[in-house]
PDB file of N, CA and C in Angstrom:
ATOM      1  N   MET A   1      94.898  35.992  74.832  1.00  0.00           N
ATOM      2  CA  MET A   1      93.919  36.979  74.943  1.00  0.00           C
ATOM      3  C   MET A   1      94.147  37.885  76.066  1.00  0.00           C
ATOM      4  N   SER A   2      94.069  39.231  75.913  1.00  0.00           N
ATOM      5  CA  SER A   2      94.350  40.134  76.978  1.00  0.00           C
ATOM      6  C   SER A   2      93.049  40.494  77.725  1.00  0.00           C
ATOM      7  N   ASN A   3      93.118  40.606  79.005  1.00  0.00           N
ATOM      8  CA  ASN A   3      92.010  40.993  79.927  1.00  0.00           C
ATOM      9  C   ASN A   3      92.445  42.205  80.689  1.00  0.00           C
ATOM     10  N   GLY A   4      91.481  43.001  81.016  1.00  0.00           N
ATOM     11  CA  GLY A   4      91.866  44.243  81.753  1.00  0.00           C
ATOM     12  C   GLY A   4      90.645  45.009  82.220  1.00  0.00           C
ATOM     13  N   ILE A   5      90.994  46.014  83.073  1.00  0.00           N
ATOM     14  CA  ILE A   5      89.934  46.889  83.625  1.00  0.00           C
ATOM     15  C   ILE A   5      90.192  48.196  83.041  1.00  0.00           C
ATOM     16  N   VAL A   6      89.131  48.908  82.600  1.00  0.00           N
ATOM     17  CA  VAL A   6      89.207  50.298  82.168  1.00  0.00           C
ATOM     18  C   VAL A   6      88.332  51.099  83.017  1.00  0.00           C
ATOM     19  N   VAL A   7      88.853  52.198  83.469  1.00  0.00           N
ATOM     20  CA  VAL A   7      88.130  53.190  84.342  1.00  0.00           C
ATOM     21  C   VAL A   7      88.015  54.477  83.500  1.00  0.00           C
ATOM     22  N   PHE A   8      86.893  54.946  83.379  1.00  0.00           N
ATOM     23  CA  PHE A   8      86.564  56.208  82.712  1.00  0.00           C
ATOM     24  C   PHE A   8      86.579  57.296  83.777  1.00  0.00           C
ATOM     25  N   ALA A   9      87.355  58.341  83.655  1.00  0.00           N
ATOM     26  CA  ALA A   9      87.353  59.378  84.751  1.00  0.00           C
ATOM     27  C   ALA A   9      87.537  60.740  84.076  1.00  0.00           C
ATOM     28  N   GLN A  10      86.431  61.480  84.246  1.00  0.00           N
ATOM     29  CA  GLN A  10      86.443  62.849  83.680  1.00  0.00           C
ATOM     30  C   GLN A  10      85.895  63.799  84.790  1.00  0.00           C
ATOM     31  N   ASN A  11      86.763  64.611  85.251  1.00  0.00           N
ATOM     32  CA  ASN A  11      86.398  65.519  86.296  1.00  0.00           C
ATOM     33  C   ASN A  11      85.313  66.546  85.857  1.00  0.00           C
ATOM     34  N   ASN A  12      84.511  66.974  86.859  1.00  0.00           N
ATOM     35  CA  ASN A  12      83.673  68.008  86.589  1.00  0.00           C
ATOM     36  C   ASN A  12      83.957  69.175  87.607  1.00  0.00           C
ATOM     37  N   SER A  13      83.115  70.107  87.760  1.00  0.00           N
ATOM     38  CA  SER A  13      83.427  71.293  88.609  1.00  0.00           C
ATOM     39  C   SER A  13      83.424  70.953  90.109  1.00  0.00           C
ATOM     40  N   THR A  14      82.795  69.806  90.437  1.00  0.00           N
ATOM     41  CA  THR A  14      82.670  69.486  91.887  1.00  0.00           C
ATOM     42  C   THR A  14      83.371  68.183  92.310  1.00  0.00           C
ATOM     43  N   THR A  15      83.712  67.414  91.431  1.00  0.00           N
ATOM     44  CA  THR A  15      84.284  65.994  91.779  1.00  0.00           C
ATOM     45  C   THR A  15      85.464  65.648  91.008  1.00  0.00           C
ATOM     46  N   ASP A  16      86.505  65.184  91.709  1.00  0.00           N
ATOM     47  CA  ASP A  16      87.765  64.801  91.044  1.00  0.00           C
ATOM     48  C   ASP A  16      87.677  63.274  90.800  1.00  0.00           C
ATOM     49  N   TYR A  17      87.180  62.870  89.660  1.00  0.00           N
ATOM     50  CA  TYR A  17      86.919  61.441  89.356  1.00  0.00           C
ATOM     51  C   TYR A  17      88.318  60.780  89.017  1.00  0.00           C
ATOM     52  N   VAL A  18      89.293  61.574  88.614  1.00  0.00           N
ATOM     53  CA  VAL A  18      90.586  61.024  88.404  1.00  0.00           C
ATOM     54  C   VAL A  18      91.199  60.521  89.715  1.00  0.00           C
ATOM     55  N   GLU A  19      91.099  61.302  90.748  1.00  0.00           N
ATOM     56  CA  GLU A  19      91.540  60.882  92.050  1.00  0.00           C
ATOM     57  C   GLU A  19      90.799  59.643  92.489  1.00  0.00           C
ATOM     58  N   GLN A  20      89.433  59.556  92.230  1.00  0.00           N
ATOM     59  CA  GLN A  20      88.702  58.385  92.596  1.00  0.00           C
ATOM     60  C   GLN A  20      89.292  57.113  91.820  1.00  0.00           C
ATOM     61  N   ALA A  21      89.514  57.358  90.597  1.00  0.00           N
ATOM     62  CA  ALA A  21      90.035  56.226  89.713  1.00  0.00           C
ATOM     63  C   ALA A  21      91.424  55.761  90.286  1.00  0.00           C
ATOM     64  N   CYS A  22      92.163  56.692  90.704  1.00  0.00           N
ATOM     65  CA  CYS A  22      93.575  56.258  91.362  1.00  0.00           C
ATOM     66  C   CYS A  22      93.256  55.396  92.575  1.00  0.00           C
ATOM     67  N   LEU A  23      92.415  55.819  93.399  1.00  0.00           N
ATOM     68  CA  LEU A  23      92.085  55.076  94.686  1.00  0.00           C
ATOM     69  C   LEU A  23      91.626  53.693  94.368  1.00  0.00           C
ATOM     70  N   LEU A  24      90.704  53.678  93.295  1.00  0.00           N
ATOM     71  CA  LEU A  24      90.217  52.318  92.869  1.00  0.00           C
ATOM     72  C   LEU A  24      91.309  51.462  92.346  1.00  0.00           C
ATOM     73  N   ALA A  25      92.222  52.076  91.645  1.00  0.00           N
ATOM     74  CA  ALA A  25      93.454  51.381  91.071  1.00  0.00           C
ATOM     75  C   ALA A  25      94.317  50.733  92.171  1.00  0.00           C
ATOM     76  N   MET A  26      94.449  51.620  93.283  1.00  0.00           N
ATOM     77  CA  MET A  26      95.238  51.147  94.445  1.00  0.00           C
ATOM     78  C   MET A  26      94.589  49.974  95.123  1.00  0.00           C
ATOM     79  N   SER A  27      93.251  49.945  95.251  1.00  0.00           N
ATOM     80  CA  SER A  27      92.522  48.870  95.871  1.00  0.00           C
ATOM     81  C   SER A  27      92.652  47.607  95.035  1.00  0.00           C
ATOM     82  N   LEU A  28      92.460  47.779  93.692  1.00  0.00           N
ATOM     83  CA  LEU A  28      92.509  46.721  92.775  1.00  0.00           C
ATOM     84  C   LEU A  28      93.977  46.036  92.767  1.00  0.00           C
ATOM     85  N   LYS A  29      94.997  46.871  92.833  1.00  0.00           N
ATOM     86  CA  LYS A  29      96.373  46.406  92.824  1.00  0.00           C
ATOM     87  C   LYS A  29      96.625  45.687  94.090  1.00  0.00           C
ATOM     88  N   ALA A  30      96.068  46.143  95.267  1.00  0.00           N
ATOM     89  CA  ALA A  30      96.307  45.500  96.535  1.00  0.00           C
ATOM     90  C   ALA A  30      95.684  44.104  96.602  1.00  0.00           C
ATOM     91  N   THR A  31      94.534  43.994  95.953  1.00  0.00           N
ATOM     92  CA  THR A  31      93.868  42.716  95.983  1.00  0.00           C
ATOM     93  C   THR A  31      94.161  41.721  94.842  1.00  0.00           C
ATOM     94  N   ASN A  32      94.521  42.305  93.699  1.00  0.00           N
ATOM     95  CA  ASN A  32      94.798  41.646  92.443  1.00  0.00           C
ATOM     96  C   ASN A  32      96.044  42.242  91.768  1.00  0.00           C
ATOM     97  N   PRO A  33      97.186  42.006  92.245  1.00  0.00           N
ATOM     98  CA  PRO A  33      98.333  42.824  91.792  1.00  0.00           C
ATOM     99  C   PRO A  33      98.757  42.556  90.323  1.00  0.00           C
ATOM    100  N   ASN A  34      98.237  41.531  89.716  1.00  0.00           N
ATOM    101  CA  ASN A  34      98.593  41.308  88.241  1.00  0.00           C
ATOM    102  C   ASN A  34      97.546  41.785  87.277  1.00  0.00           C
ATOM    103  N   THR A  35      96.499  42.398  87.899  1.00  0.00           N
ATOM    104  CA  THR A  35      95.470  42.939  86.986  1.00  0.00           C
ATOM    105  C   THR A  35      95.937  44.163  86.129  1.00  0.00           C
ATOM    106  N   LYS A  36      95.519  44.108  84.937  1.00  0.00           N
ATOM    107  CA  LYS A  36      95.877  45.283  84.084  1.00  0.00           C
ATOM    108  C   LYS A  36      94.799  46.321  84.177  1.00  0.00           C
ATOM    109  N   ILE A  37      95.181  47.539  84.423  1.00  0.00           N
ATOM    110  CA  ILE A  37      94.221  48.626  84.676  1.00  0.00           C
ATOM    111  C   ILE A  37      94.607  49.845  83.804  1.00  0.00           C
ATOM    112  N   SER A  38      93.707  50.394  83.017  1.00  0.00           N
ATOM    113  CA  SER A  38      93.913  51.562  82.253  1.00  0.00           C
ATOM    114  C   SER A  38      92.819  52.581  82.653  1.00  0.00           C
ATOM    115  N   VAL A  39      93.191  53.783  82.454  1.00  0.00           N
ATOM    116  CA  VAL A  39      92.194  54.926  82.713  1.00  0.00           C
ATOM    117  C   VAL A  39      92.113  55.753  81.448  1.00  0.00           C
ATOM    118  N   ILE A  40      90.813  56.068  81.094  1.00  0.00           N
ATOM    119  CA  ILE A  40      90.558  56.995  80.013  1.00  0.00           C
ATOM    120  C   ILE A  40      90.197  58.301  80.623  1.00  0.00           C
ATOM    121  N   THR A  41      90.904  59.332  80.284  1.00  0.00           N
ATOM    122  CA  THR A  41      90.684  60.731  80.724  1.00  0.00           C
ATOM    123  C   THR A  41      91.340  61.746  79.903  1.00  0.00           C
ATOM    124  N   ASN A  42      90.877  62.942  79.987  1.00  0.00           N
ATOM    125  CA  ASN A  42      91.591  64.123  79.422  1.00  0.00           C
ATOM    126  C   ASN A  42      92.153  65.003  80.502  1.00  0.00           C
ATOM    127  N   ASP A  43      91.875  64.578  81.796  1.00  0.00           N
ATOM    128  CA  ASP A  43      92.430  65.358  82.909  1.00  0.00           C
ATOM    129  C   ASP A  43      93.830  64.769  83.293  1.00  0.00           C
ATOM    130  N   ASP A  44      94.522  65.566  84.115  1.00  0.00           N
ATOM    131  CA  ASP A  44      95.837  65.213  84.476  1.00  0.00           C
ATOM    132  C   ASP A  44      95.814  64.100  85.565  1.00  0.00           C
ATOM    133  N   VAL A  45      96.706  63.154  85.444  1.00  0.00           N
ATOM    134  CA  VAL A  45      96.918  62.158  86.550  1.00  0.00           C
ATOM    135  C   VAL A  45      98.196  62.467  87.257  1.00  0.00           C
ATOM    136  N   SER A  46      98.155  62.676  88.610  1.00  0.00           N
ATOM    137  CA  SER A  46      99.340  63.015  89.245  1.00  0.00           C
ATOM    138  C   SER A  46     100.451  61.974  89.013  1.00  0.00           C
ATOM    139  N   GLU A  47     101.667  62.545  88.935  1.00  0.00           N
ATOM    140  CA  GLU A  47     102.860  61.665  88.691  1.00  0.00           C
ATOM    141  C   GLU A  47     102.947  60.586  89.794  1.00  0.00           C
ATOM    142  N   HIS A  48     102.434  60.905  90.924  1.00  0.00           N
ATOM    143  CA  HIS A  48     102.501  59.952  92.149  1.00  0.00           C
ATOM    144  C   HIS A  48     101.666  58.676  91.762  1.00  0.00           C
ATOM    145  N   TYR A  49     100.685  58.857  90.912  1.00  0.00           N
ATOM    146  CA  TYR A  49      99.777  57.780  90.666  1.00  0.00           C
ATOM    147  C   TYR A  49      99.862  57.097  89.321  1.00  0.00           C
ATOM    148  N   VAL A  50     100.636  57.719  88.381  1.00  0.00           N
ATOM    149  CA  VAL A  50     100.787  57.226  87.034  1.00  0.00           C
ATOM    150  C   VAL A  50     101.146  55.741  87.039  1.00  0.00           C
ATOM    151  N   SER A  51     101.979  55.231  87.915  1.00  0.00           N
ATOM    152  CA  SER A  51     102.447  53.851  87.898  1.00  0.00           C
ATOM    153  C   SER A  51     101.311  52.873  88.271  1.00  0.00           C
ATOM    154  N   LEU A  52     100.175  53.342  88.699  1.00  0.00           N
ATOM    155  CA  LEU A  52      99.106  52.506  89.005  1.00  0.00           C
ATOM    156  C   LEU A  52      98.374  51.934  87.725  1.00  0.00           C
ATOM    157  N   PHE A  53      98.685  52.697  86.571  1.00  0.00           N
ATOM    158  CA  PHE A  53      97.957  52.353  85.406  1.00  0.00           C
ATOM    159  C   PHE A  53      98.882  51.795  84.381  1.00  0.00           C
ATOM    160  N   ASP A  54      98.415  50.782  83.594  1.00  0.00           N
ATOM    161  CA  ASP A  54      99.183  50.171  82.510  1.00  0.00           C
ATOM    162  C   ASP A  54      99.199  51.265  81.311  1.00  0.00           C
ATOM    163  N   LYS A  55      98.037  51.895  81.162  1.00  0.00           N
ATOM    164  CA  LYS A  55      97.869  52.920  80.116  1.00  0.00           C
ATOM    165  C   LYS A  55      97.033  54.004  80.632  1.00  0.00           C
ATOM    166  N   ILE A  56      97.364  55.200  80.171  1.00  0.00           N
ATOM    167  CA  ILE A  56      96.552  56.454  80.428  1.00  0.00           C
ATOM    168  C   ILE A  56      96.177  56.860  78.973  1.00  0.00           C
ATOM    169  N   ILE A  57      94.847  56.731  78.711  1.00  0.00           N
ATOM    170  CA  ILE A  57      94.417  56.965  77.360  1.00  0.00           C
ATOM    171  C   ILE A  57      93.533  58.192  77.266  1.00  0.00           C
ATOM    172  N   PRO A  58      93.912  59.079  76.344  1.00  0.00           N
ATOM    173  CA  PRO A  58      93.039  60.280  76.116  1.00  0.00           C
ATOM    174  C   PRO A  58      91.700  59.883  75.624  1.00  0.00           C
ATOM    175  N   ILE A  59      90.709  60.643  75.985  1.00  0.00           N
ATOM    176  CA  ILE A  59      89.338  60.375  75.491  1.00  0.00           C
ATOM    177  C   ILE A  59      89.308  60.567  73.931  1.00  0.00           C
ATOM    178  N   PRO A  60      88.974  59.474  73.234  1.00  0.00           N
ATOM    179  CA  PRO A  60      89.057  59.536  71.765  1.00  0.00           C
ATOM    180  C   PRO A  60      87.915  60.298  71.138  1.00  0.00           C
ATOM    181  N   PHE A  61      88.092  60.707  69.890  1.00  0.00           N
ATOM    182  CA  PHE A  61      86.962  61.357  69.072  1.00  0.00           C
ATOM    183  C   PHE A  61      86.548  62.661  69.656  1.00  0.00           C
ATOM    184  N   GLY A  62      87.339  63.370  70.452  1.00  0.00           N
ATOM    185  CA  GLY A  62      86.948  64.685  70.990  1.00  0.00           C
ATOM    186  C   GLY A  62      86.107  64.528  72.222  1.00  0.00           C
ATOM    187  N   ASP A  63      85.952  65.590  72.926  1.00  0.00           N
ATOM    188  CA  ASP A  63      85.199  65.638  74.168  1.00  0.00           C
ATOM    189  C   ASP A  63      83.734  66.065  73.934  1.00  0.00           C
ATOM    190  N   ASP A  64      82.854  65.083  73.928  1.00  0.00           N
ATOM    191  CA  ASP A  64      81.426  65.416  73.738  1.00  0.00           C
ATOM    192  C   ASP A  64      80.740  65.908  74.993  1.00  0.00           C
ATOM    193  N   ALA A  65      81.498  65.934  76.112  1.00  0.00           N
ATOM    194  CA  ALA A  65      80.860  66.428  77.377  1.00  0.00           C
ATOM    195  C   ALA A  65      81.547  67.667  77.869  1.00  0.00           C
ATOM    196  N   SER A  66      82.090  68.452  77.040  1.00  0.00           N
ATOM    197  CA  SER A  66      82.854  69.724  77.482  1.00  0.00           C
ATOM    198  C   SER A  66      81.907  70.663  78.218  1.00  0.00           C
ATOM    199  N   THR A  67      80.687  70.739  77.881  1.00  0.00           N
ATOM    200  CA  THR A  67      79.746  71.677  78.552  1.00  0.00           C
ATOM    201  C   THR A  67      78.899  70.975  79.568  1.00  0.00           C
ATOM    202  N   SER A  68      78.996  69.686  79.843  1.00  0.00           N
ATOM    203  CA  SER A  68      78.177  68.904  80.727  1.00  0.00           C
ATOM    204  C   SER A  68      78.825  68.729  82.068  1.00  0.00           C
ATOM    205  N   GLU A  69      77.983  68.683  83.084  1.00  0.00           N
ATOM    206  CA  GLU A  69      78.505  68.366  84.449  1.00  0.00           C
ATOM    207  C   GLU A  69      78.511  66.868  84.658  1.00  0.00           C
ATOM    208  N   TRP A  70      77.643  66.100  84.057  1.00  0.00           N
ATOM    209  CA  TRP A  70      77.502  64.655  84.366  1.00  0.00           C
ATOM    210  C   TRP A  70      78.567  63.891  83.567  1.00  0.00           C
ATOM    211  N   LYS A  71      79.051  64.392  82.459  1.00  0.00           N
ATOM    212  CA  LYS A  71      80.125  63.745  81.595  1.00  0.00           C
ATOM    213  C   LYS A  71      79.860  62.370  81.128  1.00  0.00           C
ATOM    214  N   ILE A  72      78.600  62.008  80.996  1.00  0.00           N
ATOM    215  CA  ILE A  72      78.234  60.758  80.491  1.00  0.00           C
ATOM    216  C   ILE A  72      78.280  60.632  78.979  1.00  0.00           C
ATOM    217  N   GLU A  73      78.389  61.685  78.298  1.00  0.00           N
ATOM    218  CA  GLU A  73      78.374  61.714  76.853  1.00  0.00           C
ATOM    219  C   GLU A  73      79.595  60.969  76.180  1.00  0.00           C
ATOM    220  N   ASN A  74      80.565  60.769  76.908  1.00  0.00           N
ATOM    221  CA  ASN A  74      81.776  60.097  76.372  1.00  0.00           C
ATOM    222  C   ASN A  74      81.931  58.608  76.781  1.00  0.00           C
ATOM    223  N   ARG A  75      80.958  58.089  77.520  1.00  0.00           N
ATOM    224  CA  ARG A  75      81.168  56.758  77.994  1.00  0.00           C
ATOM    225  C   ARG A  75      81.116  55.711  76.942  1.00  0.00           C
ATOM    226  N   TRP A  76      80.364  55.977  75.745  1.00  0.00           N
ATOM    227  CA  TRP A  76      80.290  55.033  74.775  1.00  0.00           C
ATOM    228  C   TRP A  76      81.639  54.729  74.126  1.00  0.00           C
ATOM    229  N   LYS A  77      82.586  55.560  74.395  1.00  0.00           N
ATOM    230  CA  LYS A  77      83.984  55.454  73.757  1.00  0.00           C
ATOM    231  C   LYS A  77      84.864  54.476  74.411  1.00  0.00           C
ATOM    232  N   ILE A  78      84.403  53.937  75.620  1.00  0.00           N
ATOM    233  CA  ILE A  78      85.288  53.158  76.402  1.00  0.00           C
ATOM    234  C   ILE A  78      85.730  51.848  75.584  1.00  0.00           C
ATOM    235  N   TYR A  79      84.735  51.217  74.952  1.00  0.00           N
ATOM    236  CA  TYR A  79      85.136  49.905  74.342  1.00  0.00           C
ATOM    237  C   TYR A  79      85.952  50.159  73.031  1.00  0.00           C
ATOM    238  N   HIS A  80      85.774  51.321  72.437  1.00  0.00           N
ATOM    239  CA  HIS A  80      86.623  51.697  71.258  1.00  0.00           C
ATOM    240  C   HIS A  80      88.000  51.995  71.665  1.00  0.00           C
ATOM    241  N   ALA A  81      88.247  52.490  72.894  1.00  0.00           N
ATOM    242  CA  ALA A  81      89.526  52.929  73.320  1.00  0.00           C
ATOM    243  C   ALA A  81      90.263  51.858  74.173  1.00  0.00           C
ATOM    244  N   SER A  82      89.482  50.884  74.637  1.00  0.00           N
ATOM    245  CA  SER A  82      90.106  49.785  75.508  1.00  0.00           C
ATOM    246  C   SER A  82      91.260  49.100  74.719  1.00  0.00           C
ATOM    247  N   PRO A  83      92.382  48.894  75.468  1.00  0.00           N
ATOM    248  CA  PRO A  83      93.510  48.190  74.841  1.00  0.00           C
ATOM    249  C   PRO A  83      93.365  46.650  75.042  1.00  0.00           C
ATOM    250  N   TYR A  84      92.284  46.222  75.670  1.00  0.00           N
ATOM    251  CA  TYR A  84      92.160  44.828  75.986  1.00  0.00           C
ATOM    252  C   TYR A  84      91.093  44.191  75.129  1.00  0.00           C
ATOM    253  N   GLU A  85      91.276  42.911  74.944  1.00  0.00           N
ATOM    254  CA  GLU A  85      90.238  42.062  74.152  1.00  0.00           C
ATOM    255  C   GLU A  85      89.031  41.857  74.968  1.00  0.00           C
ATOM    256  N   ARG A  86      89.190  41.676  76.313  1.00  0.00           N
ATOM    257  CA  ARG A  86      88.107  41.457  77.253  1.00  0.00           C
ATOM    258  C   ARG A  86      88.278  42.581  78.297  1.00  0.00           C
ATOM    259  N   THR A  87      87.207  43.386  78.399  1.00  0.00           N
ATOM    260  CA  THR A  87      87.307  44.537  79.183  1.00  0.00           C
ATOM    261  C   THR A  87      86.207  44.597  80.229  1.00  0.00           C
ATOM    262  N   ILE A  88      86.592  44.883  81.532  1.00  0.00           N
ATOM    263  CA  ILE A  88      85.617  45.194  82.575  1.00  0.00           C
ATOM    264  C   ILE A  88      85.659  46.692  82.768  1.00  0.00           C
ATOM    265  N   VAL A  89      84.454  47.325  82.812  1.00  0.00           N
ATOM    266  CA  VAL A  89      84.461  48.758  83.006  1.00  0.00           C
ATOM    267  C   VAL A  89      83.966  49.038  84.399  1.00  0.00           C
TER     268      VAL A  89
END
C-alpha cells in the first residue's frame, strides 16, 4: 500500500504558494527523508525544487478557481489526483 503527502499549491496575485510548498517539502525531507511528496499545481515549479517532489501533478478537470483569489475551488480534486492509496493533505 502506498502512503504519501500531497500539497495543493495554486498561486494568487499576492502569494507564491508553490514556493511555500517547496519549503514545506524541504522540511519534510529533512525530517522524514523517505516520505513520498507530491504537489498539485498549474503553476511553474522552479527546476531547483523539482527534485523535492515525487510527482508534480497538474490540477485535474480544469481550473475552477481561475478568477478567484482564494483558490479553494479546486481543493476537492486532491483525492482524485493523489497517486497514493493513503494520502495526507
